Amino acid sequence: MNVIERTQHRIDHMRCPAIEGLDSDTVHMLHQSMVQIVQMRRSIERIELQVHRSRCAAYESEDLLRRLRERG
C-alpha cells in the first residue's frame, strides 16, 4: 500500500458519533472536535507525503552522485 492509498484510507474511515437526542451545545462541540480531528489527520497525511517525496529526492540525489563519481 503506497502513501496515497494509506492517506485515503484514513480520511474515508472517520465515523461520526450518534447525536440523536443530544442538546445543541454537545452536538456543536462534537462537530468541532470531528472537524479538528480531520484537520489534524490531513496535516499528518500531508507531512507523510512530503517526507516520502523528500526521501525519494534524497535517494535520487545519492544515485546521481554515485553515477557522476563512477564516470569520473
PDB file of N, CA and C in Angstrom:
ATOM      1  N   MET A   1       0.852  -1.176   0.000  1.00  0.00           N
ATOM      2  CA  MET A   1       0.000   0.000   0.000  1.00  0.00           C
ATOM      3  C   MET A   1       0.895   1.235   0.000  1.00  0.00           C
ATOM      4  N   ASN A   2       0.698   2.117  -0.968  1.00  0.00           N
ATOM      5  CA  ASN A   2       1.527   3.308  -1.044  1.00  0.00           C
ATOM      6  C   ASN A   2       0.985   4.410  -0.139  1.00  0.00           C
ATOM      7  N   VAL A   3       1.707   5.529  -0.089  1.00  0.00           N
ATOM      8  CA  VAL A   3       1.349   6.632   0.804  1.00  0.00           C
ATOM      9  C   VAL A   3      -0.040   7.180   0.492  1.00  0.00           C
ATOM     10  N   ILE A   4      -0.370   7.343  -0.769  1.00  0.00           N
ATOM     11  CA  ILE A   4      -1.666   7.915  -1.137  1.00  0.00           C
ATOM     12  C   ILE A   4      -2.803   6.985  -0.745  1.00  0.00           C
ATOM     13  N   GLU A   5      -2.624   5.683  -0.935  1.00  0.00           N
ATOM     14  CA  GLU A   5      -3.671   4.734  -0.538  1.00  0.00           C
ATOM     15  C   GLU A   5      -3.875   4.755   0.963  1.00  0.00           C
ATOM     16  N   ARG A   6      -2.792   4.815   1.742  1.00  0.00           N
ATOM     17  CA  ARG A   6      -2.924   4.885   3.196  1.00  0.00           C
ATOM     18  C   ARG A   6      -3.620   6.170   3.595  1.00  0.00           C
ATOM     19  N   THR A   7      -3.270   7.276   2.944  1.00  0.00           N
ATOM     20  CA  THR A   7      -3.880   8.568   3.243  1.00  0.00           C
ATOM     21  C   THR A   7      -5.377   8.518   3.004  1.00  0.00           C
ATOM     22  N   GLN A   8      -5.795   8.034   1.861  1.00  0.00           N
ATOM     23  CA  GLN A   8      -7.213   7.976   1.538  1.00  0.00           C
ATOM     24  C   GLN A   8      -7.951   7.070   2.513  1.00  0.00           C
ATOM     25  N   HIS A   9      -7.335   5.973   2.879  1.00  0.00           N
ATOM     26  CA  HIS A   9      -7.958   5.024   3.804  1.00  0.00           C
ATOM     27  C   HIS A   9      -8.226   5.693   5.154  1.00  0.00           C
ATOM     28  N   ARG A  10      -7.331   6.495   5.625  1.00  0.00           N
ATOM     29  CA  ARG A  10      -7.500   7.133   6.929  1.00  0.00           C
ATOM     30  C   ARG A  10      -8.638   8.136   6.933  1.00  0.00           C
ATOM     31  N   ILE A  11      -8.712   8.974   5.928  1.00  0.00           N
ATOM     32  CA  ILE A  11      -9.751  10.006   5.900  1.00  0.00           C
ATOM     33  C   ILE A  11     -11.122   9.398   5.652  1.00  0.00           C
ATOM     34  N   ASP A  12     -11.212   8.399   4.806  1.00  0.00           N
ATOM     35  CA  ASP A  12     -12.503   7.820   4.440  1.00  0.00           C
ATOM     36  C   ASP A  12     -13.171   7.054   5.570  1.00  0.00           C
ATOM     37  N   HIS A  13     -12.428   6.649   6.569  1.00  0.00           N
ATOM     38  CA  HIS A  13     -12.998   5.810   7.603  1.00  0.00           C
ATOM     39  C   HIS A  13     -13.201   6.545   8.927  1.00  0.00           C
ATOM     40  N   MET A  14     -13.557   7.792   8.869  1.00  0.00           N
ATOM     41  CA  MET A  14     -13.864   8.583  10.058  1.00  0.00           C
ATOM     42  C   MET A  14     -15.333   8.372  10.390  1.00  0.00           C
ATOM     43  N   ARG A  15     -15.618   7.891  11.578  1.00  0.00           N
ATOM     44  CA  ARG A  15     -17.004   7.636  11.959  1.00  0.00           C
ATOM     45  C   ARG A  15     -17.533   8.766  12.825  1.00  0.00           C
ATOM     46  N   CYS A  16     -18.773   9.119  12.598  1.00  0.00           N
ATOM     47  CA  CYS A  16     -19.428  10.157  13.390  1.00  0.00           C
ATOM     48  C   CYS A  16     -20.211   9.495  14.523  1.00  0.00           C
ATOM     49  N   PRO A  17     -20.177  10.100  15.710  1.00  0.00           N
ATOM     50  CA  PRO A  17     -20.955   9.527  16.815  1.00  0.00           C
ATOM     51  C   PRO A  17     -22.450   9.762  16.607  1.00  0.00           C
ATOM     52  N   ALA A  18     -23.275   8.944  17.242  1.00  0.00           N
ATOM     53  CA  ALA A  18     -24.729   9.122  17.171  1.00  0.00           C
ATOM     54  C   ALA A  18     -25.080  10.372  17.981  1.00  0.00           C
ATOM     55  N   ILE A  19     -25.807  11.306  17.376  1.00  0.00           N
ATOM     56  CA  ILE A  19     -26.104  12.570  18.052  1.00  0.00           C
ATOM     57  C   ILE A  19     -27.593  12.747  18.351  1.00  0.00           C
ATOM     58  N   GLU A  20     -28.372  11.778  17.992  1.00  0.00           N
ATOM     59  CA  GLU A  20     -29.812  11.892  18.211  1.00  0.00           C
ATOM     60  C   GLU A  20     -30.101  12.018  19.710  1.00  0.00           C
ATOM     61  N   GLY A  21     -30.880  13.027  20.059  1.00  0.00           N
ATOM     62  CA  GLY A  21     -31.283  13.224  21.443  1.00  0.00           C
ATOM     63  C   GLY A  21     -30.327  14.065  22.268  1.00  0.00           C
ATOM     64  N   LEU A  22     -29.181  14.476  21.705  1.00  0.00           N
ATOM     65  CA  LEU A  22     -28.240  15.314  22.448  1.00  0.00           C
ATOM     66  C   LEU A  22     -28.615  16.780  22.305  1.00  0.00           C
ATOM     67  N   ASP A  23     -28.239  17.575  23.304  1.00  0.00           N
ATOM     68  CA  ASP A  23     -28.540  19.008  23.212  1.00  0.00           C
ATOM     69  C   ASP A  23     -27.617  19.663  22.188  1.00  0.00           C
ATOM     70  N   SER A  24     -28.006  20.847  21.728  1.00  0.00           N
ATOM     71  CA  SER A  24     -27.290  21.509  20.626  1.00  0.00           C
ATOM     72  C   SER A  24     -25.859  21.877  20.985  1.00  0.00           C
ATOM     73  N   ASP A  25     -25.585  22.212  22.253  1.00  0.00           N
ATOM     74  CA  ASP A  25     -24.207  22.545  22.650  1.00  0.00           C
ATOM     75  C   ASP A  25     -23.292  21.327  22.513  1.00  0.00           C
ATOM     76  N   THR A  26     -23.787  20.173  22.914  1.00  0.00           N
ATOM     77  CA  THR A  26     -22.997  18.945  22.812  1.00  0.00           C
ATOM     78  C   THR A  26     -22.772  18.574  21.352  1.00  0.00           C
ATOM     79  N   VAL A  27     -23.817  18.716  20.541  1.00  0.00           N
ATOM     80  CA  VAL A  27     -23.689  18.425  19.111  1.00  0.00           C
ATOM     81  C   VAL A  27     -22.658  19.357  18.481  1.00  0.00           C
ATOM     82  N   HIS A  28     -22.711  20.644  18.833  1.00  0.00           N
ATOM     83  CA  HIS A  28     -21.758  21.618  18.298  1.00  0.00           C
ATOM     84  C   HIS A  28     -20.331  21.249  18.716  1.00  0.00           C
ATOM     85  N   MET A  29     -20.152  20.884  19.994  1.00  0.00           N
ATOM     86  CA  MET A  29     -18.830  20.505  20.489  1.00  0.00           C
ATOM     87  C   MET A  29     -18.316  19.255  19.763  1.00  0.00           C
ATOM     88  N   LEU A  30     -19.169  18.262  19.575  1.00  0.00           N
ATOM     89  CA  LEU A  30     -18.772  17.058  18.860  1.00  0.00           C
ATOM     90  C   LEU A  30     -18.399  17.374  17.418  1.00  0.00           C
ATOM     91  N   HIS A  31     -19.181  18.237  16.781  1.00  0.00           N
ATOM     92  CA  HIS A  31     -18.884  18.618  15.395  1.00  0.00           C
ATOM     93  C   HIS A  31     -17.521  19.304  15.305  1.00  0.00           C
ATOM     94  N   GLN A  32     -17.268  20.248  16.201  1.00  0.00           N
ATOM     95  CA  GLN A  32     -15.991  20.958  16.198  1.00  0.00           C
ATOM     96  C   GLN A  32     -14.833  19.988  16.447  1.00  0.00           C
ATOM     97  N   SER A  33     -15.037  19.042  17.338  1.00  0.00           N
ATOM     98  CA  SER A  33     -13.998  18.041  17.614  1.00  0.00           C
ATOM     99  C   SER A  33     -13.715  17.199  16.375  1.00  0.00           C
ATOM    100  N   MET A  34     -14.766  16.775  15.697  1.00  0.00           N
ATOM    101  CA  MET A  34     -14.598  15.973  14.473  1.00  0.00           C
ATOM    102  C   MET A  34     -13.850  16.768  13.412  1.00  0.00           C
ATOM    103  N   VAL A  35     -14.210  18.036  13.257  1.00  0.00           N
ATOM    104  CA  VAL A  35     -13.538  18.890  12.264  1.00  0.00           C
ATOM    105  C   VAL A  35     -12.055  19.007  12.595  1.00  0.00           C
ATOM    106  N   GLN A  36     -11.730  19.226  13.863  1.00  0.00           N
ATOM    107  CA  GLN A  36     -10.329  19.363  14.260  1.00  0.00           C
ATOM    108  C   GLN A  36      -9.558  18.059  14.061  1.00  0.00           C
ATOM    109  N   ILE A  37     -10.197  16.936  14.362  1.00  0.00           N
ATOM    110  CA  ILE A  37      -9.540  15.641  14.162  1.00  0.00           C
ATOM    111  C   ILE A  37      -9.241  15.421  12.682  1.00  0.00           C
ATOM    112  N   VAL A  38     -10.205  15.719  11.826  1.00  0.00           N
ATOM    113  CA  VAL A  38      -9.993  15.554  10.383  1.00  0.00           C
ATOM    114  C   VAL A  38      -8.881  16.481   9.907  1.00  0.00           C
ATOM    115  N   GLN A  39      -8.849  17.717  10.405  1.00  0.00           N
ATOM    116  CA  GLN A  39      -7.788  18.645  10.015  1.00  0.00           C
ATOM    117  C   GLN A  39      -6.422  18.137  10.459  1.00  0.00           C
ATOM    118  N   MET A  40      -6.339  17.592  11.672  1.00  0.00           N
ATOM    119  CA  MET A  40      -5.066  17.037  12.147  1.00  0.00           C
ATOM    120  C   MET A  40      -4.645  15.847  11.299  1.00  0.00           C
ATOM    121  N   ARG A  41      -5.584  14.977  10.985  1.00  0.00           N
ATOM    122  CA  ARG A  41      -5.266  13.813  10.147  1.00  0.00           C
ATOM    123  C   ARG A  41      -4.756  14.244   8.782  1.00  0.00           C
ATOM    124  N   ARG A  42      -5.406  15.219   8.198  1.00  0.00           N
ATOM    125  CA  ARG A  42      -4.959  15.693   6.875  1.00  0.00           C
ATOM    126  C   ARG A  42      -3.573  16.306   6.959  1.00  0.00           C
ATOM    127  N   SER A  43      -3.301  17.044   8.039  1.00  0.00           N
ATOM    128  CA  SER A  43      -1.971  17.625   8.213  1.00  0.00           C
ATOM    129  C   SER A  43      -0.922  16.531   8.318  1.00  0.00           C
ATOM    130  N   ILE A  44      -1.216  15.505   9.106  1.00  0.00           N
ATOM    131  CA  ILE A  44      -0.286  14.381   9.255  1.00  0.00           C
ATOM    132  C   ILE A  44      -0.076  13.689   7.920  1.00  0.00           C
ATOM    133  N   GLU A  45      -1.142  13.502   7.179  1.00  0.00           N
ATOM    134  CA  GLU A  45      -1.035  12.831   5.885  1.00  0.00           C
ATOM    135  C   GLU A  45      -0.228  13.653   4.891  1.00  0.00           C
ATOM    136  N   ARG A  46      -0.401  14.979   4.904  1.00  0.00           N
ATOM    137  CA  ARG A  46       0.409  15.836   4.023  1.00  0.00           C
ATOM    138  C   ARG A  46       1.882  15.733   4.399  1.00  0.00           C
ATOM    139  N   ILE A  47       2.156  15.717   5.701  1.00  0.00           N
ATOM    140  CA  ILE A  47       3.543  15.604   6.147  1.00  0.00           C
ATOM    141  C   ILE A  47       4.132  14.269   5.731  1.00  0.00           C
ATOM    142  N   GLU A  48       3.359  13.183   5.867  1.00  0.00           N
ATOM    143  CA  GLU A  48       3.843  11.876   5.426  1.00  0.00           C
ATOM    144  C   GLU A  48       4.187  11.895   3.940  1.00  0.00           C
ATOM    145  N   LEU A  49       3.349  12.535   3.149  1.00  0.00           N
ATOM    146  CA  LEU A  49       3.606  12.623   1.712  1.00  0.00           C
ATOM    147  C   LEU A  49       4.862  13.447   1.439  1.00  0.00           C
ATOM    148  N   GLN A  50       5.030  14.549   2.164  1.00  0.00           N
ATOM    149  CA  GLN A  50       6.216  15.376   1.987  1.00  0.00           C
ATOM    150  C   GLN A  50       7.484  14.618   2.383  1.00  0.00           C
ATOM    151  N   VAL A  51       7.413  13.855   3.464  1.00  0.00           N
ATOM    152  CA  VAL A  51       8.561  13.059   3.893  1.00  0.00           C
ATOM    153  C   VAL A  51       8.887  12.014   2.828  1.00  0.00           C
ATOM    154  N   HIS A  52       7.859  11.374   2.302  1.00  0.00           N
ATOM    155  CA  HIS A  52       8.061  10.377   1.242  1.00  0.00           C
ATOM    156  C   HIS A  52       8.739  11.002   0.029  1.00  0.00           C
ATOM    157  N   ARG A  53       8.256  12.162  -0.380  1.00  0.00           N
ATOM    158  CA  ARG A  53       8.852  12.842  -1.548  1.00  0.00           C
ATOM    159  C   ARG A  53      10.286  13.259  -1.254  1.00  0.00           C
ATOM    160  N   SER A  54      10.545  13.719  -0.039  1.00  0.00           N
ATOM    161  CA  SER A  54      11.903  14.126   0.329  1.00  0.00           C
ATOM    162  C   SER A  54      12.851  12.939   0.309  1.00  0.00           C
ATOM    163  N   ARG A  55      12.377  11.795   0.805  1.00  0.00           N
ATOM    164  CA  ARG A  55      13.212  10.596   0.780  1.00  0.00           C
ATOM    165  C   ARG A  55      13.508  10.177  -0.654  1.00  0.00           C
ATOM    166  N   CYS A  56      12.500  10.231  -1.505  1.00  0.00           N
ATOM    167  CA  CYS A  56      12.712   9.883  -2.915  1.00  0.00           C
ATOM    168  C   CYS A  56      13.728  10.817  -3.550  1.00  0.00           C
ATOM    169  N   ALA A  57      13.611  12.099  -3.257  1.00  0.00           N
ATOM    170  CA  ALA A  57      14.557  13.074  -3.813  1.00  0.00           C
ATOM    171  C   ALA A  57      15.971  12.798  -3.297  1.00  0.00           C
ATOM    172  N   ALA A  58      16.092  12.457  -2.026  1.00  0.00           N
ATOM    173  CA  ALA A  58      17.412  12.159  -1.462  1.00  0.00           C
ATOM    174  C   ALA A  58      18.010  10.917  -2.117  1.00  0.00           C
ATOM    175  N   TYR A  59      17.214   9.876  -2.309  1.00  0.00           N
ATOM    176  CA  TYR A  59      17.697   8.669  -2.974  1.00  0.00           C
ATOM    177  C   TYR A  59      18.126   8.966  -4.401  1.00  0.00           C
ATOM    178  N   GLU A  60      17.331   9.771  -5.098  1.00  0.00           N
ATOM    179  CA  GLU A  60      17.696  10.138  -6.470  1.00  0.00           C
ATOM    180  C   GLU A  60      18.993  10.935  -6.500  1.00  0.00           C
ATOM    181  N   SER A  61      19.174  11.836  -5.549  1.00  0.00           N
ATOM    182  CA  SER A  61      20.405  12.629  -5.474  1.00  0.00           C
ATOM    183  C   SER A  61      21.607  11.739  -5.206  1.00  0.00           C
ATOM    184  N   GLU A  62      21.460  10.809  -4.269  1.00  0.00           N
ATOM    185  CA  GLU A  62      22.551   9.882  -3.983  1.00  0.00           C
ATOM    186  C   GLU A  62      22.899   9.051  -5.214  1.00  0.00           C
ATOM    187  N   ASP A  63      21.883   8.610  -5.920  1.00  0.00           N
ATOM    188  CA  ASP A  63      22.113   7.820  -7.127  1.00  0.00           C
ATOM    189  C   ASP A  63      22.834   8.649  -8.191  1.00  0.00           C
ATOM    190  N   LEU A  64      22.410   9.887  -8.366  1.00  0.00           N
ATOM    191  CA  LEU A  64      23.055  10.768  -9.337  1.00  0.00           C
ATOM    192  C   LEU A  64      24.512  11.007  -8.968  1.00  0.00           C
ATOM    193  N   LEU A  65      24.786  11.283  -7.687  1.00  0.00           N
ATOM    194  CA  LEU A  65      26.170  11.495  -7.251  1.00  0.00           C
ATOM    195  C   LEU A  65      27.016  10.238  -7.460  1.00  0.00           C
ATOM    196  N   ARG A  66      26.461   9.073  -7.166  1.00  0.00           N
ATOM    197  CA  ARG A  66      27.182   7.821  -7.369  1.00  0.00           C
ATOM    198  C   ARG A  66      27.553   7.649  -8.843  1.00  0.00           C
ATOM    199  N   ARG A  67      26.586   7.929  -9.733  1.00  0.00           N
ATOM    200  CA  ARG A  67      26.850   7.780 -11.165  1.00  0.00           C
ATOM    201  C   ARG A  67      27.888   8.795 -11.650  1.00  0.00           C
ATOM    202  N   LEU A  68      27.840   9.996 -11.122  1.00  0.00           N
ATOM    203  CA  LEU A  68      28.843  11.003 -11.511  1.00  0.00           C
ATOM    204  C   LEU A  68      30.231  10.620 -11.038  1.00  0.00           C
ATOM    205  N   ARG A  69      30.325  10.065  -9.838  1.00  0.00           N
ATOM    206  CA  ARG A  69      31.627   9.603  -9.340  1.00  0.00           C
ATOM    207  C   ARG A  69      32.196   8.460 -10.189  1.00  0.00           C
ATOM    208  N   GLU A  70      31.303   7.573 -10.596  1.00  0.00           N
ATOM    209  CA  GLU A  70      31.734   6.429 -11.416  1.00  0.00           C
ATOM    210  C   GLU A  70      32.252   6.883 -12.775  1.00  0.00           C
ATOM    211  N   ARG A  71      31.666   7.919 -13.314  1.00  0.00           N
ATOM    212  CA  ARG A  71      32.099   8.422 -14.633  1.00  0.00           C
ATOM    213  C   ARG A  71      33.402   9.217 -14.530  1.00  0.00           C
ATOM    214  N   GLY A  72      33.670   9.728 -13.336  1.00  0.00           N
ATOM    215  CA  GLY A  72      34.926  10.458 -13.136  1.00  0.00           C
ATOM    216  C   GLY A  72      34.748  11.872 -13.416  1.00  0.00           C
TER     217      GLY A  72
END
